Protein backbone atom coordinates (compact mmCIF):
# COMPACT_ATOMS: atom_id res chain seq x y z
CA MET A 1 90.27 131.40 183.03
CA SER A 2 92.51 134.40 182.33
CA CYS A 3 91.14 137.53 180.65
CA PHE A 4 93.19 136.71 177.56
CA THR A 5 91.90 133.14 177.34
CA TRP A 6 88.33 134.29 177.95
CA HIS A 7 88.62 136.97 175.24
CA LYS A 8 90.08 134.45 172.78
CA ALA A 9 87.29 131.95 173.43
CA LEU A 10 84.63 134.67 173.10
CA LYS A 11 86.11 135.83 169.83
CA LYS A 12 86.03 132.30 168.39
CA ARG A 13 82.43 131.95 169.55
CA MET A 14 81.53 135.25 167.89
CA LYS A 15 83.16 134.09 164.66
CA LYS A 16 81.01 130.97 164.65
CA ILE A 17 77.83 132.97 165.31
CA LEU A 18 78.64 135.43 162.55
CA LEU A 19 79.37 132.60 160.12
CA ILE A 20 75.93 131.17 160.87
CA ILE A 21 74.40 134.61 160.26
CA LEU A 22 76.32 134.83 156.99
CA LEU A 23 75.02 131.46 155.80
CA LEU A 24 71.46 132.32 156.74
CA THR A 25 71.78 135.58 154.87
CA ALA A 26 73.13 133.72 151.86
CA GLY A 27 70.31 131.24 151.93
CA VAL A 28 72.81 128.38 152.21
CA VAL A 29 71.25 126.72 155.26
CA SER A 30 67.91 126.33 153.51
CA ALA A 31 69.43 125.71 150.07
CA GLN A 32 69.39 122.41 148.23
CA GLU A 33 71.79 119.93 149.82
CA ILE A 34 74.21 118.24 147.44
CA SER A 35 74.52 114.47 147.63
CA PRO A 36 77.98 113.51 148.92
CA TYR A 37 77.90 110.73 146.31
CA LEU A 38 77.05 112.95 143.36
CA ILE A 39 80.34 112.39 141.50
CA GLY A 40 80.31 108.81 140.27
CA THR A 41 81.65 106.45 137.62
CA ASN A 42 81.55 102.81 136.51
CA ALA A 43 84.27 100.27 137.34
CA TRP A 44 85.08 99.34 133.79
CA LEU A 45 87.40 97.72 132.81
CA PRO A 46 87.74 95.68 136.03
CA PRO A 47 91.24 94.44 136.88
CA TRP A 48 90.72 90.86 135.67
CA LYS A 49 89.79 91.97 132.14
CA PRO A 50 92.57 92.22 129.50
CA GLY A 51 93.66 95.81 128.94
CA SER A 52 92.42 97.07 132.31
CA LYS A 53 94.30 100.01 133.85
CA ILE A 54 92.03 100.54 136.83
CA GLU A 55 94.70 99.50 139.32
CA TYR A 56 96.78 102.47 138.12
CA LEU A 57 93.90 104.94 138.34
CA TRP A 58 92.53 104.66 141.87
CA ASP A 59 94.52 107.70 143.04
CA GLU A 60 93.23 109.75 140.09
CA LEU A 61 89.66 108.75 140.89
CA ARG A 62 90.09 109.72 144.56
CA ASP A 63 91.78 113.01 143.64
CA GLY A 64 89.01 113.70 141.12
CA GLY A 65 86.40 113.56 143.87
CA VAL A 66 84.71 110.34 142.70
CA ARG A 67 82.52 109.14 145.59
CA MET A 68 80.26 106.49 143.99
CA ILE A 69 81.39 103.64 141.73
CA ARG A 70 79.01 101.18 140.13
CA VAL A 71 80.10 97.58 139.73
CA GLY A 72 77.81 96.68 136.87
CA GLY A 73 77.02 96.95 133.19
CA ARG A 74 76.21 94.55 130.37
CA THR A 75 79.22 92.27 130.89
CA ALA A 76 78.61 92.10 134.64
CA GLN A 77 75.17 90.74 133.78
CA ASN A 78 75.90 88.46 130.83
CA ASP A 79 79.16 87.09 132.22
CA PRO A 80 78.60 87.67 135.95
CA TYR A 81 81.52 88.50 138.19
CA THR A 82 82.32 86.09 141.00
CA LYS A 83 81.51 87.22 144.50
CA GLU A 84 85.25 87.28 145.23
CA GLN A 85 85.91 89.58 142.26
CA ILE A 86 83.11 91.90 143.36
CA ALA A 87 84.47 92.00 146.91
CA GLY A 88 87.95 92.87 145.64
CA LEU A 89 86.55 95.81 143.67
CA VAL A 90 84.53 96.99 146.67
CA VAL A 91 87.64 96.98 148.86
CA SER A 92 89.45 99.17 146.32
CA ILE A 93 86.44 101.48 146.06
CA HIS A 94 86.26 101.86 149.84
CA ASN A 95 90.01 102.52 149.98
CA ILE A 96 89.56 105.76 148.01
CA GLY A 97 86.70 106.91 150.25
CA ALA A 98 83.93 106.05 147.76
CA LYS A 99 80.73 104.00 147.99
CA ALA A 100 79.98 101.01 145.78
CA ILE A 101 76.81 100.09 143.90
CA ILE A 102 76.70 96.34 143.26
CA GLN A 103 74.59 95.12 140.35
CA VAL A 104 72.69 91.86 140.80
CA PRO A 105 72.04 90.08 137.46
CA TYR A 106 68.33 90.00 136.65
CA TYR A 107 68.22 86.20 136.42
CA PHE A 108 69.53 85.67 139.96
CA SER A 109 67.16 83.67 142.13
CA LYS A 110 66.28 84.52 145.70
CA SER A 111 68.89 82.00 146.85
CA GLN A 112 71.64 83.36 144.57
CA THR A 113 70.92 86.91 145.69
CA GLN A 114 71.06 85.90 149.36
CA THR A 115 74.38 84.12 148.80
CA LEU A 116 75.88 87.23 147.20
CA VAL A 117 74.69 89.77 149.75
CA GLU A 118 75.62 87.52 152.67
CA TYR A 119 79.13 87.06 151.28
CA ILE A 120 79.67 90.76 150.66
CA ASN A 121 78.10 92.18 153.80
CA SER A 122 78.46 89.36 156.33
CA THR A 123 81.38 87.10 155.39
CA ARG A 124 83.51 90.00 154.12
CA SER A 125 81.89 92.69 156.32
CA LEU A 126 81.99 95.23 153.49
CA ASN A 127 78.66 96.82 154.44
CA VAL A 128 77.56 97.80 150.93
CA ASP A 129 74.40 99.90 151.19
CA TYR A 130 73.61 100.39 147.50
CA TRP A 131 72.53 97.56 145.19
CA SER A 132 71.11 97.68 141.67
CA ILE A 133 68.96 95.12 139.89
CA GLY A 134 69.57 94.14 136.27
CA ASN A 135 70.95 96.18 133.40
CA GLU A 136 69.17 97.63 130.37
CA PRO A 137 66.24 95.19 130.07
CA ASP A 138 64.95 97.37 127.21
CA TRP A 139 68.12 97.04 125.09
CA GLY A 140 68.48 95.19 121.81
CA ASP A 141 66.16 93.53 119.36
CA TYR A 142 64.44 91.41 121.99
CA PRO A 143 63.75 93.60 125.03
CA MET A 144 62.25 92.01 128.10
CA LEU A 145 58.56 92.31 128.86
CA VAL A 146 57.79 94.79 131.61
CA SER A 147 55.99 91.99 133.48
CA GLU A 148 59.27 90.05 133.53
CA VAL A 149 61.13 93.11 134.80
CA ALA A 150 58.61 93.56 137.61
CA ILE A 151 58.99 89.92 138.68
CA TYR A 152 62.76 89.99 138.95
CA ILE A 153 62.78 93.40 140.71
CA ARG A 154 60.40 92.03 143.35
CA THR A 155 62.34 88.79 143.78
CA ILE A 156 65.80 90.32 144.09
CA SER A 157 64.79 93.40 146.10
CA SER A 158 62.92 91.29 148.66
CA ALA A 159 65.92 88.97 149.02
CA LEU A 160 68.31 91.90 149.53
CA LYS A 161 66.09 93.61 152.08
CA ALA A 162 65.33 90.38 153.93
CA PHE A 163 69.05 90.40 154.71
CA ASP A 164 69.10 94.10 155.61
CA PRO A 165 66.06 96.40 155.30
CA LYS A 166 68.37 99.43 155.23
CA ILE A 167 69.78 98.43 151.81
CA LYS A 168 68.90 100.92 149.07
CA VAL A 169 67.84 99.39 145.75
CA PHE A 170 68.41 100.98 142.32
CA ALA A 171 66.08 99.98 139.46
CA PRO A 172 65.21 99.49 136.66
CA ASP A 173 68.51 100.67 135.06
CA LEU A 174 66.96 101.17 131.64
CA CYS A 175 69.14 102.04 128.64
CA TRP A 176 67.11 105.25 128.32
CA PHE A 177 64.18 106.89 130.13
CA ASN A 178 61.60 104.64 128.49
CA TYR A 179 58.44 106.04 130.02
CA ASP A 180 55.64 104.38 128.06
CA ASP A 181 57.00 100.82 127.97
CA TYR A 182 58.64 100.56 131.40
CA ILE A 183 58.55 103.58 133.73
CA LYS A 184 54.79 104.10 133.52
CA PRO A 185 53.72 100.49 134.20
CA LEU A 186 56.40 100.01 136.87
CA PHE A 187 55.87 103.23 138.83
CA VAL A 188 52.74 105.07 137.69
CA ASN A 189 49.87 102.81 136.66
CA ALA A 190 49.46 100.81 139.89
CA GLY A 191 48.78 97.78 137.72
CA PRO A 192 50.15 94.21 137.68
CA ALA A 193 53.73 95.39 136.96
CA ASP A 194 53.77 97.98 139.75
CA VAL A 195 56.92 98.04 141.91
CA SER A 196 56.40 101.45 143.51
CA GLY A 197 55.16 99.95 146.78
CA LYS A 198 56.23 97.43 149.42
CA ASP A 199 56.85 93.70 149.59
CA ASP A 200 55.20 91.34 152.11
CA ASN A 201 57.78 92.28 154.74
CA GLY A 202 56.94 95.98 154.48
CA ASN A 203 60.10 96.93 152.56
CA TYR A 204 59.94 99.21 149.53
CA TYR A 205 61.02 97.49 146.33
CA VAL A 206 62.83 100.48 144.79
CA ASP A 207 64.59 103.38 146.49
CA VAL A 208 66.44 104.93 143.55
CA LEU A 209 64.74 105.33 140.17
CA CYS A 210 67.59 105.04 137.67
CA TRP A 211 68.27 104.92 133.96
CA HIS A 212 71.06 105.50 131.43
CA LYS A 213 71.67 108.37 129.05
CA TYR A 214 73.95 108.35 126.00
CA GLY A 215 74.05 110.81 123.14
CA VAL A 216 74.06 114.25 124.76
CA ASP A 217 74.71 117.43 122.84
CA SER A 218 72.95 119.81 125.23
CA LEU A 219 71.51 119.69 128.71
CA ASP A 220 67.87 120.11 127.70
CA ASP A 221 67.08 116.50 126.79
CA VAL A 222 68.71 115.21 129.99
CA GLU A 223 66.94 117.70 132.23
CA GLY A 224 63.55 117.03 130.63
CA LYS A 225 63.70 113.36 131.60
CA VAL A 226 64.85 114.22 135.10
CA ASP A 227 61.87 116.55 135.52
CA GLN A 228 59.60 113.73 134.38
CA ALA A 229 61.20 111.39 136.92
CA LEU A 230 60.86 113.98 139.69
CA SER A 231 57.13 114.28 139.03
CA ILE A 232 56.76 110.51 139.47
CA ILE A 233 58.95 110.48 142.57
CA GLU A 234 57.04 113.36 144.15
CA THR A 235 53.81 111.38 143.89
CA ILE A 236 55.38 108.20 145.27
CA ASN A 237 57.02 110.06 148.15
CA GLN A 238 53.70 111.40 149.40
CA THR A 239 53.20 108.05 151.10
CA ARG A 240 56.82 107.29 152.00
CA PRO A 241 58.12 108.41 155.40
CA GLU A 242 60.91 110.88 156.05
CA GLY A 243 64.26 109.16 155.91
CA ASN A 244 62.98 106.64 153.38
CA LYS A 245 62.10 108.77 150.35
CA MET A 246 62.72 107.68 146.78
CA THR A 247 65.36 109.56 144.79
CA TRP A 248 66.91 109.29 141.32
CA ALA A 249 70.22 108.61 139.61
CA ILE A 250 71.73 108.23 136.15
CA THR A 251 73.88 105.11 136.39
CA GLU A 252 75.43 105.23 132.90
CA PHE A 253 76.05 108.44 131.00
CA ASN A 254 78.23 109.85 128.24
CA SER A 255 78.13 112.27 125.35
CA HIS A 256 77.68 109.36 122.91
CA TRP A 257 77.71 105.56 122.74
CA ASP A 258 79.73 105.35 119.49
CA ASN A 259 82.40 107.86 118.61
CA SER A 260 82.20 106.93 114.93
CA GLN A 261 78.63 108.27 114.88
CA ALA A 262 79.28 111.28 117.09
CA SER A 263 79.83 114.88 116.08
CA GLU A 264 83.24 116.35 116.89
CA ASP A 265 81.83 117.99 120.00
CA GLN A 266 80.18 114.74 121.09
CA LYS A 267 83.28 112.57 120.87
CA VAL A 268 84.05 111.52 124.43
CA TRP A 269 87.58 112.99 124.38
CA SER A 270 86.43 116.42 123.17
CA PHE A 271 86.69 119.51 125.31
CA HIS A 272 82.94 120.07 124.91
CA THR A 273 82.15 116.67 126.44
CA GLY A 274 83.86 117.73 129.66
CA GLN A 275 81.71 120.86 129.77
CA ILE A 276 78.60 118.69 129.26
CA PHE A 277 79.72 116.51 132.19
CA ALA A 278 79.94 119.61 134.38
CA GLU A 279 76.50 120.84 133.29
CA VAL A 280 74.91 117.45 133.99
CA TYR A 281 76.49 117.34 137.46
CA ASP A 282 75.22 120.87 138.10
CA MET A 283 71.72 119.86 137.05
CA ALA A 284 71.86 116.90 139.43
CA MET A 285 72.91 119.22 142.26
CA ARG A 286 69.91 121.46 141.58
CA LYS A 287 67.48 118.60 141.29
CA ASP A 288 68.58 116.50 144.27
CA GLY A 289 70.11 113.60 142.35
CA LEU A 290 71.90 110.90 144.32
CA THR A 291 74.65 110.20 141.79
CA ILE A 292 75.68 110.54 138.15
CA CYS A 293 77.89 107.62 137.05
CA PRO A 294 79.47 108.17 133.62
CA TRP A 295 80.61 105.17 131.61
CA SER A 296 83.53 104.48 132.00
CA ILE A 297 86.96 104.80 133.63
CA PHE A 298 89.18 103.25 130.95
CA GLU A 299 88.51 100.94 128.02
CA SER A 300 89.55 100.09 124.45
CA GLY A 301 93.16 100.85 125.29
CA GLY A 302 92.41 104.57 125.56
CA SER A 303 92.75 104.52 121.77
CA ARG A 304 89.91 106.91 120.86
CA SER A 305 88.20 104.14 118.91
CA SER A 306 84.45 103.99 118.36
CA GLY A 307 83.79 102.16 121.63
CA ASP A 308 86.27 104.08 123.80
CA LEU A 309 84.10 105.88 126.35
CA GLY A 310 86.71 106.28 129.10
CA LEU A 311 87.94 109.22 131.14
CA PHE A 312 91.58 108.65 130.15
CA ASP A 313 93.82 108.39 127.09
CA LEU A 314 96.83 106.09 126.97
CA VAL A 315 99.74 107.86 125.26
CA SER A 316 103.24 106.35 125.21
CA GLU A 317 102.20 104.10 128.11
CA LYS A 318 101.13 107.13 130.15
CA LEU A 319 97.53 107.65 131.27
CA LYS A 320 96.30 111.16 130.51
CA GLY A 321 93.04 112.66 131.74
CA ARG A 322 90.52 113.85 129.20
CA SER A 323 88.30 116.90 129.49
CA SER A 324 85.59 114.74 131.06
CA TYR A 325 88.00 113.77 133.84
CA TYR A 326 89.31 117.27 134.48
CA HIS A 327 85.87 118.86 134.57
CA THR A 328 84.90 116.17 137.05
CA LEU A 329 88.03 116.94 139.07
CA MET A 330 87.37 120.68 139.16
CA LEU A 331 83.95 120.03 140.69
CA GLY A 332 84.97 117.04 142.79
CA GLN A 333 87.92 118.75 144.47
CA ASN A 334 85.77 121.72 145.45
CA MET A 335 82.44 120.18 146.44
CA LYS A 336 80.42 121.99 149.08
CA GLU A 337 77.41 120.90 151.09
CA HIS A 338 74.80 123.12 149.43
CA TYR A 339 73.88 124.25 145.96
CA LEU A 340 73.81 128.02 145.49
CA ASP A 341 71.33 129.43 142.98
CA SER A 342 72.98 131.25 140.09
CA SER A 343 72.14 132.63 136.67
CA ASP A 344 73.71 134.62 133.86
CA ASP A 345 72.64 136.71 130.88
CA ASN A 346 74.55 134.98 128.06
CA SER A 347 73.52 131.76 126.30
CA SER A 348 77.16 130.76 125.75
CA ILE A 349 77.85 130.80 129.49
CA SER A 350 76.93 128.24 132.15
CA VAL A 351 77.51 128.67 135.88
CA SER A 352 77.65 126.16 138.72
CA SER A 353 78.00 127.33 142.32
CA MET A 354 78.14 125.65 145.72
CA GLY A 355 78.66 126.78 149.29
CA ASP A 356 78.89 125.88 152.96
CA ASP A 357 80.51 127.30 156.09
CA SER A 358 84.00 126.79 154.58
CA GLY A 359 83.22 129.12 151.68
CA PHE A 360 81.92 128.69 148.16
CA SER A 361 83.01 127.73 144.66
CA VAL A 362 81.86 129.05 141.30
CA MET A 363 82.47 127.34 137.96
CA ILE A 364 82.07 129.49 134.83
CA ILE A 365 81.86 127.68 131.48
CA ASN A 366 82.31 129.48 128.15
CA LYS A 367 81.03 127.28 125.32
CA ASN A 368 81.57 129.86 122.57
CA ASP A 369 84.18 128.85 119.97
CA THR A 370 85.36 132.37 119.17
CA GLU A 371 84.24 134.92 121.77
CA SER A 372 86.06 136.02 124.90
CA TYR A 373 83.99 137.79 127.55
CA GLU A 374 84.54 140.28 130.31
CA TYR A 375 82.31 139.24 133.19
CA ALA A 376 81.00 140.66 136.45
CA LEU A 377 80.16 138.14 139.16
CA GLY A 378 77.72 139.46 141.76
CA LEU A 379 77.72 137.51 145.00
CA ASN A 380 74.49 138.93 146.42
CA ASP A 381 72.05 137.24 143.98
CA GLU A 382 71.72 140.41 141.88
CA PHE A 383 72.91 141.03 138.33
CA PRO A 384 75.78 143.55 138.31
CA SER A 385 74.87 144.86 134.80
CA GLU A 386 78.38 146.14 134.27
CA LYS A 387 80.07 143.79 131.75
CA GLN A 388 79.45 141.75 128.60
CA VAL A 389 78.44 138.83 130.82
CA ASN A 390 76.73 139.39 134.15
CA ILE A 391 76.46 136.54 136.64
CA LYS A 392 74.65 136.41 139.95
CA VAL A 393 75.24 133.87 142.72
CA ALA A 394 73.27 133.67 145.98
CA ALA A 395 76.35 133.80 148.23
CA GLY A 396 75.03 136.58 150.49
CA LEU A 397 78.00 138.90 149.98
CA ASP A 398 77.67 142.52 148.85
CA ARG A 399 80.54 142.23 146.44
CA ILE A 400 81.20 142.12 142.69
CA ILE A 401 84.14 140.22 141.21
CA PHE A 402 85.42 141.12 137.75
CA GLY A 403 87.28 138.88 135.34
CA SER A 404 87.51 137.55 131.82
CA ILE A 405 87.13 134.18 130.18
CA ASN A 406 88.52 133.04 126.84
CA PRO A 407 86.67 131.04 124.17
CA ASN A 408 86.10 127.35 124.98
CA THR A 409 87.38 127.77 128.52
CA THR A 410 86.21 126.68 131.96
CA LEU A 411 87.11 128.54 135.16
CA MET A 412 86.63 127.18 138.67
CA GLN A 413 87.08 129.80 141.40
CA VAL A 414 87.18 128.87 145.08
CA PHE A 415 86.48 131.47 147.79
CA ASP A 416 86.52 131.49 151.56
CA ALA A 417 83.40 132.50 153.50
CA LYS A 418 84.34 136.18 153.28
CA GLY A 419 84.66 136.14 149.50
CA ASN A 420 88.46 136.05 149.34
CA LEU A 421 89.69 134.17 146.27
CA LEU A 422 91.76 131.19 147.42
CA LYS A 423 92.24 129.16 144.26
CA ARG A 424 91.48 129.35 140.55
CA TYR A 425 91.48 126.60 137.93
CA THR A 426 91.75 127.53 134.24
CA TYR A 427 91.10 124.79 131.68
CA ARG A 428 91.05 125.53 127.95
CA GLN A 429 90.29 123.61 124.80
CA SER A 430 93.99 123.69 123.92
CA ASP A 431 94.73 122.00 127.25
CA ALA A 432 92.35 119.17 126.39
CA GLU A 433 93.76 118.81 122.89
CA ASN A 434 97.31 118.64 124.26
CA MET A 435 96.28 116.42 127.19
CA ARG A 436 97.33 118.94 129.81
CA PRO A 437 95.66 119.38 133.20
CA PRO A 438 94.10 122.68 134.24
CA LEU A 439 96.30 125.53 135.41
CA ILE A 440 95.75 125.90 139.18
CA GLU A 441 96.63 129.21 140.86
CA HIS A 442 96.64 129.72 144.64
CA PHE A 443 96.13 133.15 146.19
CA ARG A 444 97.12 134.61 149.53
CA ARG A 445 94.12 135.50 151.65
CA CYS A 446 93.23 139.18 151.59
CA LEU A 447 94.03 140.79 154.93
CA GLN A 448 91.44 143.50 154.41
CA PRO A 449 88.04 142.38 155.65
CA ILE A 450 85.37 142.33 152.94
CA PHE A 451 82.46 142.73 155.34
CA LEU A 452 81.61 141.90 158.94
CA LEU A 453 84.85 143.07 160.53
CA LEU A 454 84.68 140.53 163.33
CA LEU A 455 85.27 137.73 160.78
CA ASP A 456 88.96 138.55 160.33
CA ASP A 457 91.48 135.79 161.10
CA LYS A 458 93.76 137.65 163.49
CA GLU A 459 93.88 136.34 167.01
């Protein structure tokens, strides 16, 4: 090896070592890992339903960072999809680099469940790991008895795991976090409806505790139910081995279930709804959620009718992303491996930050209708105390970044591991109202080292 080659190899090795030191200093290595399937959605309307546009939206879903798509819902239960239809959807989901969740109708027998899973995973070799059981047994005027729910969870889960014990089962997919009537008897009481344990083959019945959430105006009511779920899961996981712990997910979610009853900010096409999406995703990052799957991709002709809960409008035969889609995209395009702790000193501001050895990203959300703010962003987990809004992020860098944010605006800033700004997204309420995407600016990397001189890029 020549001296030049040896020096070049040593320098690359030193860069890697210093990057590891940087991450340890930042607390990233020990920080909360973010599920790679965090960004999800529901495959509605499927391509065989009149008015579906899903075949035109796969690229948008991939580009938006969607990595989990549920094949389920009320229609998938009441008018069950054929196994061939399900397989076709799974192929499309896999083609965009996402994972599928397949819903098994609650009334499926052991034999019907075996036929479905064998077709999907053996005949078609689609290797679907995630399966859910039933949909909203607590919905409507005649909700199911919890004893009935327990019976079908046991039957279907055992049939799925008899085929492959590595399958992960979602349940009970309630229409809301109904603790007293369903969650408590199913997972807490250890009574006749208990499904927190194992079947006769030693397989756990439920791996992902899941429910739905509609009607969100702030994060507090969502986070409160998640905290309640985490308390239950923590107790259950005391007896479950590493590598087979229970987790949680929200498998249907939106700002409201009926736009005609929603406030202006709660209507699913509003700018505020996109900010709520971002805050819910951030909460799931912090609290180790597996996935958040909003309902839905596209429905009701994108007409903004009472039942239109999609991510897209249809205007002059062109599909246009709503605020919910673009806030998803800003996070999904810039996902990192670890959640970085952050906080701010203004109730109108929310912050979401992530990092790994490639760098870090920081989303700043201004929910105020009238106020612009000058902000100081401290990257060493300390408040700068220099501007109207002071933000701290545990990125391990002794640096403060200054900027401003307009009313009803979301910024996503993407940095390399040295703290150089690489890319900035700016998305405003006026963009959402005019169905425009965010402004994306790219920046040349700063040639001046910010710290640790050996981390420069020059060879």
